[in-house]
Amino acid sequence: MLDHPRIAKAVRLLERNPSTLVRLKDAAAHINLSPFHFQRLFQEVMGESPSGYLRRVLLSRAAMNLQMSDESVLQVALNAGYASHEAFIRAFQRQFGEVPSQYRLRSQGLTLPALEEDLQRLPRVQVAQEPHLPLLAMRFHGPQHRIEAHWQAFADYLRGLGLDLSTLQAFGVFYDSPLITPAELMRYDCAILDPGFEPSGTALTRLDLHAGRYVSLKHEGPYWQVLLVLRTLALAWLPQSGEMFAPAANGGYEQYLSPPWEAPGSVRRFRVVLPLHDFAQR
């Protein structure tokens, strides 16, 4: 749980504009620290430097783009904040052990066939224009099986702020692929639709999910079955749809139709919502 208010605010700034690398001094000024003290505090809280963190998450997002879209390697490089094709190739190879073109060829060749149960879910898949969602979010890291525990911790934090959970609309935002990012580094935001609460001085940060075209699938069952929903969308729906996911957008999200902070293992009702390729980039 990222519960350090200043670093949570800095992380949100670093991630906000993926194609524009934030300068160290600007990130430090954003949280009223000198560059020296900011770098030291960030390293202490996050376990890596600000530049190392940003480089890692941008390259992970680039890997998702290579896997899920037909954008040129140069465009993927520019979206990741690299001014030159050559610099991107060198950085990508250092992180993933192969050049982007090799990575794309290998990862796109790993696609598995859809199962019969995936095909049965297809009639419930919807493509629609989703609205802008102003959220208050808290960052967590870890594998998918810890997400229910993240929600328990988030609920405790909200109660500590005096918020009434029964009045809140919950959203979960996910950014990383388990095929790309190590499990302990997987990013997940527990979030609520902004109820008009001022988050200054807390570990809550403002997060905007932009309006645009999304694909969604509603599900009811234990939380671990979110993997089945994602499999249906990726393996059964996407290949026959003529669409592409947009991993460079604001991340996919879960809209909860029942409280996600109920006891682990309880039945959950939620929509999984993924941005599509012509999603308006911000």
Protein backbone atom coordinates (compact mmCIF):
# COMPACT_ATOMS: atom_id res chain seq x y z
CA MET A 1 0.00 0.00 0.00
CA LEU A 2 1.45 3.36 -1.03
CA ASP A 3 0.33 5.41 1.95
CA HIS A 4 2.97 8.16 1.82
CA PRO A 5 0.98 11.25 0.70
CA ARG A 6 3.86 13.05 -1.01
CA ILE A 7 5.21 10.07 -2.91
CA ALA A 8 1.70 8.99 -3.92
CA LYS A 9 1.22 12.45 -5.42
CA ALA A 10 4.60 12.27 -7.18
CA VAL A 11 3.88 8.83 -8.65
CA ARG A 12 0.59 10.11 -10.07
CA LEU A 13 2.42 13.01 -11.72
CA LEU A 14 5.11 10.75 -13.20
CA GLU A 15 2.48 8.46 -14.71
CA ARG A 16 0.09 11.15 -15.91
CA ASN A 17 1.75 12.02 -19.23
CA PRO A 18 3.47 8.87 -20.51
CA SER A 19 4.80 10.44 -23.71
CA THR A 20 6.32 13.43 -21.90
CA LEU A 21 9.08 12.56 -19.46
CA VAL A 22 8.73 14.61 -16.28
CA ARG A 23 11.91 16.34 -15.18
CA LEU A 24 13.21 15.48 -11.72
CA LYS A 25 13.13 19.09 -10.55
CA ASP A 26 9.49 19.47 -11.65
CA ALA A 27 8.41 16.31 -9.84
CA ALA A 28 10.25 17.50 -6.72
CA ALA A 29 8.64 20.94 -6.91
CA HIS A 30 5.23 19.30 -7.29
CA ILE A 31 5.53 17.94 -3.74
CA ASN A 32 7.53 20.88 -2.32
CA LEU A 33 10.88 19.13 -1.97
CA SER A 34 14.34 19.81 -3.32
CA PRO A 35 15.47 17.41 -6.08
CA PHE A 36 17.97 15.85 -3.67
CA HIS A 37 15.44 15.20 -0.90
CA PHE A 38 12.80 14.05 -3.38
CA GLN A 39 15.11 11.49 -4.95
CA ARG A 40 16.18 10.16 -1.56
CA LEU A 41 12.60 9.92 -0.23
CA PHE A 42 11.32 8.29 -3.43
CA GLN A 43 14.08 5.68 -3.30
CA GLU A 44 13.28 4.97 0.36
CA VAL A 45 9.53 4.54 -0.21
CA MET A 46 9.47 2.90 -3.66
CA GLY A 47 12.73 0.94 -3.62
CA GLU A 48 13.96 2.51 -6.87
CA SER A 49 14.86 5.96 -8.15
CA PRO A 50 12.24 8.20 -9.80
CA SER A 51 13.96 7.87 -13.18
CA GLY A 52 14.31 4.10 -12.78
CA TYR A 53 10.65 3.75 -11.81
CA LEU A 54 9.42 5.85 -14.72
CA ARG A 55 11.65 4.06 -17.22
CA ARG A 56 10.45 0.64 -16.03
CA VAL A 57 6.73 1.43 -16.19
CA LEU A 58 7.01 3.19 -19.55
CA LEU A 59 8.89 0.27 -21.07
CA SER A 60 6.34 -2.16 -19.63
CA ARG A 61 3.59 -0.13 -21.25
CA ALA A 62 5.56 -0.13 -24.50
CA ALA A 63 5.75 -3.92 -24.31
CA MET A 64 1.95 -4.06 -23.96
CA ASN A 65 1.61 -1.80 -27.01
CA LEU A 66 3.89 -4.05 -29.04
CA GLN A 67 1.86 -7.08 -27.99
CA MET A 68 -1.65 -5.65 -28.44
CA SER A 69 -1.45 -3.08 -31.26
CA ASP A 70 -0.08 -2.68 -34.76
CA GLU A 71 1.60 0.67 -34.05
CA SER A 72 5.07 1.02 -35.53
CA VAL A 73 8.04 0.55 -33.23
CA LEU A 74 8.86 4.23 -33.73
CA GLN A 75 5.38 5.31 -32.60
CA VAL A 76 5.59 3.02 -29.57
CA ALA A 77 8.97 4.61 -28.76
CA LEU A 78 7.54 8.14 -29.01
CA ASN A 79 4.57 7.17 -26.82
CA ALA A 80 7.07 5.94 -24.23
CA GLY A 81 8.84 9.31 -24.19
CA TYR A 82 11.87 8.36 -26.27
CA ALA A 83 13.08 10.95 -28.79
CA SER A 84 14.96 8.43 -30.89
CA HIS A 85 14.25 4.95 -32.19
CA GLU A 86 17.77 3.81 -31.31
CA ALA A 87 17.59 4.91 -27.65
CA PHE A 88 14.29 3.08 -27.24
CA ILE A 89 15.65 -0.13 -28.75
CA ARG A 90 18.66 -0.08 -26.40
CA ALA A 91 16.53 0.58 -23.31
CA PHE A 92 13.95 -2.04 -24.30
CA GLN A 93 16.60 -4.68 -24.88
CA ARG A 94 18.16 -3.98 -21.47
CA GLN A 95 14.82 -4.53 -19.73
CA PHE A 96 13.40 -7.43 -21.76
CA GLY A 97 16.45 -9.12 -23.29
CA GLU A 98 15.37 -8.71 -26.90
CA VAL A 99 14.73 -5.89 -29.36
CA PRO A 100 11.14 -4.62 -29.80
CA SER A 101 10.55 -6.29 -33.18
CA GLN A 102 11.63 -9.68 -31.82
CA TYR A 103 9.49 -9.17 -28.70
CA ARG A 104 6.41 -8.34 -30.81
CA LEU A 105 6.86 -11.37 -33.04
CA ARG A 106 7.30 -13.74 -30.09
CA SER A 107 4.54 -12.31 -27.86
CA GLN A 108 1.93 -12.13 -30.62
CA GLY A 109 2.71 -15.74 -31.46
CA LEU A 110 1.80 -16.86 -27.93
CA THR A 111 -1.95 -16.31 -28.41
CA LEU A 112 -4.03 -19.26 -27.17
CA PRO A 113 -7.33 -20.42 -28.67
CA ALA A 114 -10.55 -19.34 -26.96
CA LEU A 115 -12.40 -21.94 -24.89
CA GLU A 116 -16.07 -22.85 -25.29
CA GLU A 117 -16.98 -21.02 -22.07
CA ASP A 118 -15.37 -17.86 -23.50
CA LEU A 119 -17.51 -18.12 -26.63
CA GLN A 120 -20.62 -18.50 -24.48
CA ARG A 121 -19.90 -15.14 -22.81
CA LEU A 122 -19.58 -13.27 -26.12
CA PRO A 123 -23.25 -12.20 -26.39
CA ARG A 124 -22.83 -10.23 -23.15
CA VAL A 125 -19.85 -8.19 -24.40
CA GLN A 126 -20.71 -4.53 -25.01
CA VAL A 127 -18.89 -1.71 -26.81
CA ALA A 128 -20.02 1.73 -25.70
CA GLN A 129 -18.99 5.29 -25.04
CA GLU A 130 -18.09 5.47 -21.36
CA PRO A 131 -18.21 8.77 -19.42
CA HIS A 132 -15.40 10.67 -17.77
CA LEU A 133 -14.87 9.37 -14.23
CA PRO A 134 -13.23 11.62 -11.60
CA LEU A 135 -11.81 9.26 -8.97
CA LEU A 136 -9.93 9.34 -5.69
CA ALA A 137 -7.43 6.50 -5.79
CA MET A 138 -4.86 4.71 -3.67
CA ARG A 139 -2.00 2.72 -5.17
CA PHE A 140 -1.25 -0.90 -4.28
CA HIS A 141 1.35 -3.31 -5.63
CA GLY A 142 1.30 -7.08 -5.76
CA PRO A 143 -0.09 -10.15 -7.52
CA GLN A 144 -3.71 -10.57 -8.50
CA HIS A 145 -4.51 -12.91 -5.61
CA ARG A 146 -3.85 -10.05 -3.12
CA ILE A 147 -6.37 -7.63 -4.62
CA GLU A 148 -9.15 -8.58 -2.19
CA ALA A 149 -6.74 -7.81 0.67
CA HIS A 150 -5.98 -4.47 -1.01
CA TRP A 151 -9.68 -3.61 -0.86
CA GLN A 152 -9.83 -4.51 2.84
CA ALA A 153 -6.90 -2.18 3.56
CA PHE A 154 -8.42 0.56 1.39
CA ALA A 155 -11.76 0.31 3.21
CA ASP A 156 -10.00 0.65 6.57
CA TYR A 157 -8.19 3.73 5.28
CA LEU A 158 -11.43 5.33 4.06
CA ARG A 159 -13.13 4.64 7.38
CA GLY A 160 -10.20 6.32 9.11
CA LEU A 161 -10.90 9.43 7.03
CA GLY A 162 -14.52 9.41 8.20
CA LEU A 163 -16.05 8.36 4.88
CA ASP A 164 -19.25 6.30 4.87
CA LEU A 165 -18.54 3.24 2.72
CA SER A 166 -22.23 2.63 2.04
CA THR A 167 -22.41 5.86 0.01
CA LEU A 168 -19.36 5.22 -2.19
CA GLN A 169 -19.04 3.85 -5.74
CA ALA A 170 -15.89 1.72 -6.08
CA PHE A 171 -13.60 1.25 -9.08
CA GLY A 172 -10.44 -0.80 -9.48
CA VAL A 173 -7.86 0.34 -12.05
CA PHE A 174 -5.21 -2.02 -13.42
CA TYR A 175 -2.22 -1.07 -15.52
CA ASP A 176 0.09 -4.04 -16.01
CA SER A 177 0.09 -7.46 -17.63
CA PRO A 178 1.23 -10.47 -15.57
CA LEU A 179 2.96 -11.67 -18.75
CA ILE A 180 5.21 -8.59 -18.66
CA THR A 181 5.48 -7.18 -15.13
CA PRO A 182 6.81 -9.18 -12.15
CA ALA A 183 3.95 -10.07 -9.78
CA GLU A 184 5.22 -8.01 -6.84
CA LEU A 185 5.41 -4.88 -9.04
CA MET A 186 1.92 -5.15 -10.55
CA ARG A 187 0.11 -1.83 -10.07
CA TYR A 188 -3.53 -1.65 -8.97
CA ASP A 189 -5.53 1.37 -7.81
CA CYS A 190 -8.39 0.96 -5.38
CA ALA A 191 -10.57 3.98 -6.08
CA ILE A 192 -13.91 5.63 -5.45
CA LEU A 193 -15.93 8.06 -7.52
CA ASP A 194 -15.01 11.45 -6.06
CA PRO A 195 -17.71 12.26 -3.47
CA GLY A 196 -16.45 15.84 -3.09
CA PHE A 197 -13.78 14.93 -0.53
CA GLU A 198 -10.60 17.03 -0.40
CA PRO A 199 -7.66 14.56 -0.47
CA SER A 200 -4.87 16.99 0.48
CA GLY A 201 -2.64 15.52 3.17
CA THR A 202 -3.91 11.97 2.58
CA ALA A 203 -2.62 9.09 0.45
CA LEU A 204 -5.62 9.51 -1.86
CA THR A 205 -4.81 11.10 -5.21
CA ARG A 206 -7.02 12.40 -7.97
CA LEU A 207 -7.30 10.14 -11.00
CA ASP A 208 -9.31 10.85 -14.14
CA LEU A 209 -10.55 8.05 -16.37
CA HIS A 210 -11.29 9.78 -19.64
CA ALA A 211 -14.44 9.44 -21.69
CA GLY A 212 -14.06 7.27 -24.78
CA ARG A 213 -14.94 3.99 -26.48
CA TYR A 214 -14.53 0.96 -24.26
CA VAL A 215 -15.44 -2.70 -24.37
CA SER A 216 -16.98 -4.21 -21.24
CA LEU A 217 -18.23 -7.47 -19.81
CA LYS A 218 -20.28 -7.84 -16.64
CA HIS A 219 -19.52 -10.70 -14.27
CA GLU A 220 -20.83 -12.15 -11.02
CA GLY A 221 -18.68 -14.57 -9.03
CA PRO A 222 -15.58 -14.77 -6.82
CA TYR A 223 -12.96 -12.14 -7.66
CA TRP A 224 -10.39 -14.53 -9.08
CA GLN A 225 -12.74 -15.07 -12.02
CA VAL A 226 -11.77 -11.64 -13.32
CA LEU A 227 -9.07 -13.61 -15.16
CA LEU A 228 -11.81 -15.49 -17.04
CA VAL A 229 -13.42 -12.21 -18.06
CA LEU A 230 -10.11 -10.86 -19.35
CA ARG A 231 -9.49 -14.11 -21.21
CA THR A 232 -12.88 -13.88 -22.90
CA LEU A 233 -12.24 -10.32 -24.05
CA ALA A 234 -8.68 -10.99 -25.22
CA LEU A 235 -9.01 -14.44 -26.80
CA ALA A 236 -12.63 -14.73 -27.91
CA TRP A 237 -13.92 -11.21 -28.53
CA LEU A 238 -10.89 -9.27 -29.76
CA PRO A 239 -9.78 -11.49 -32.70
CA GLN A 240 -13.22 -11.43 -34.33
CA SER A 241 -14.10 -7.81 -33.48
CA GLY A 242 -11.81 -5.82 -35.78
CA GLU A 243 -10.86 -3.75 -32.72
CA MET A 244 -7.63 -3.28 -30.78
CA PHE A 245 -7.07 -2.59 -27.11
CA ALA A 246 -5.33 0.67 -26.19
CA PRO A 247 -2.79 -0.14 -23.47
CA ALA A 248 -1.32 3.36 -23.78
CA ALA A 249 -4.61 4.84 -22.54
CA ASN A 250 -5.58 5.25 -18.87
CA GLY A 251 -5.63 1.56 -17.98
CA GLY A 252 -8.49 -0.89 -17.82
CA TYR A 253 -10.86 -0.74 -14.88
CA GLU A 254 -13.42 -2.63 -12.85
CA GLN A 255 -16.69 -0.92 -11.97
CA TYR A 256 -18.06 -2.58 -8.86
CA LEU A 257 -21.78 -3.25 -8.68
CA SER A 258 -21.42 -4.67 -5.15
CA PRO A 259 -18.96 -3.58 -2.43
CA PRO A 260 -15.44 -4.93 -3.15
CA TRP A 261 -14.49 -4.67 0.53
CA GLU A 262 -16.78 -7.52 1.58
CA ALA A 263 -15.11 -10.63 3.04
CA PRO A 264 -12.54 -12.24 0.72
CA GLY A 265 -14.08 -15.08 -1.28
CA SER A 266 -17.52 -13.47 -1.38
CA VAL A 267 -19.41 -13.21 -4.64
CA ARG A 268 -18.54 -9.98 -6.44
CA ARG A 269 -20.56 -8.16 -9.08
CA PHE A 270 -18.50 -5.99 -11.41
CA ARG A 271 -17.90 -4.85 -14.97
CA VAL A 272 -14.46 -5.20 -16.57
CA VAL A 273 -13.96 -2.22 -18.90
CA LEU A 274 -11.06 -1.90 -21.38
CA PRO A 275 -10.18 1.10 -23.59
CA LEU A 276 -10.20 0.59 -27.34
CA HIS A 277 -7.58 1.76 -29.81
CA ASP A 278 -9.31 4.88 -31.12
CA PHE A 279 -9.70 6.03 -27.53
CA ALA A 280 -8.90 9.75 -27.35
CA GLN A 281 -5.33 10.01 -26.12
CA ARG A 282 -4.83 12.74 -23.51
